[in-house]
């Protein structure tokens, strides 16, 4: 790749780091993709696994013409700051959860409707199918960020430091941390808890200081980030299939050659498969680790799960429909029905 013309300052031009600039203007340009994420820089974490596999494949297959710099564990700032940096081209890529996505594209509220998916297989069929394709394109048009892969961070469940929680009535009065997502907030409130929105980067301290009594997070993620250290109870109600989305600034992507775009896409597909498997295995192990660490773990009965679903889902769905209309909610539910028919139902 030749040295780009820097006369026009765009997000794409901000994203291109040129080796030897000023010393050798005719030297080949080296594209640097700074990739940020929020989780621990450990290979048992989906985001780090995705980033490492993506980096290795892109650098190898591009003959080192594309370099990937990983900035994990909130090194690039809060989750919101990371998304904004990817939008502006300060960073070129990011992996973010669904929690903040509605702040940038309101229809993303559909991911905050709880108790949607009967199984991981149904979720992947929806995310990789017609609905996922339509959502990804709408997100790109609205934000300038191209989605390269979607995996999960486990399934969100309730932790707390106060008492065992079996049914929804046990949540009454508990201060539960949520992210900046109105669907998550409405769900906790509908189940009887007191939702307290707190940034991810401030969560550990908030639990440590007792600002909140508990949180709703995937067990694997909670264990990796040591959030369980100030919690005593875990209730596996599995209310939200928490997705993480790997994105690249679309101007940056379009600045790549067709061959380089293919390299990026191939690496992203492989990294997504690896991340999904990593999260499934890690969540299984994390539950055992949490139990050994002294966390009391409870799995709701079928009747209790139905009570959670019947209380927690309708008000959130109603809120989402009121805010964004019926189109995206109906598309999501239609996608789920199609997926369940294809892969089978059951938890």
Foldseek 3Di string as FASTA:
>chain_A
DADDDPPDDALQVLQWAAPCVPNDNGDQTAGEAEEEEAADCDCLFLVNLLQVLLQVLLCVVVVNSYGYHYHYNCNQHFLVSVLVCCLRNVHFKYKHKLQCLCVQPVLSLLLLQWPQAQDPLLVVLLCVDDLVVVVQVVSCVRRQKHWQAKAFLAFKWKWFAPDEDAFLVVQAAFEEEDANRVSNCQLSVLSRHHYDHDTPSCQQVCLVVVVGGIYIDQLLRCVRVVSCVSTAEIEPLRIGRMMMTMIGRNSNLVPDDPVSNVSSNVSSVVSNVSSNVSSVVSSVVSVVVSVVVRHHYHYHDPVRSVNSNVRRRPVSVVVSCVVPNCVSNVSSNVSSVVSCVVPHGHD
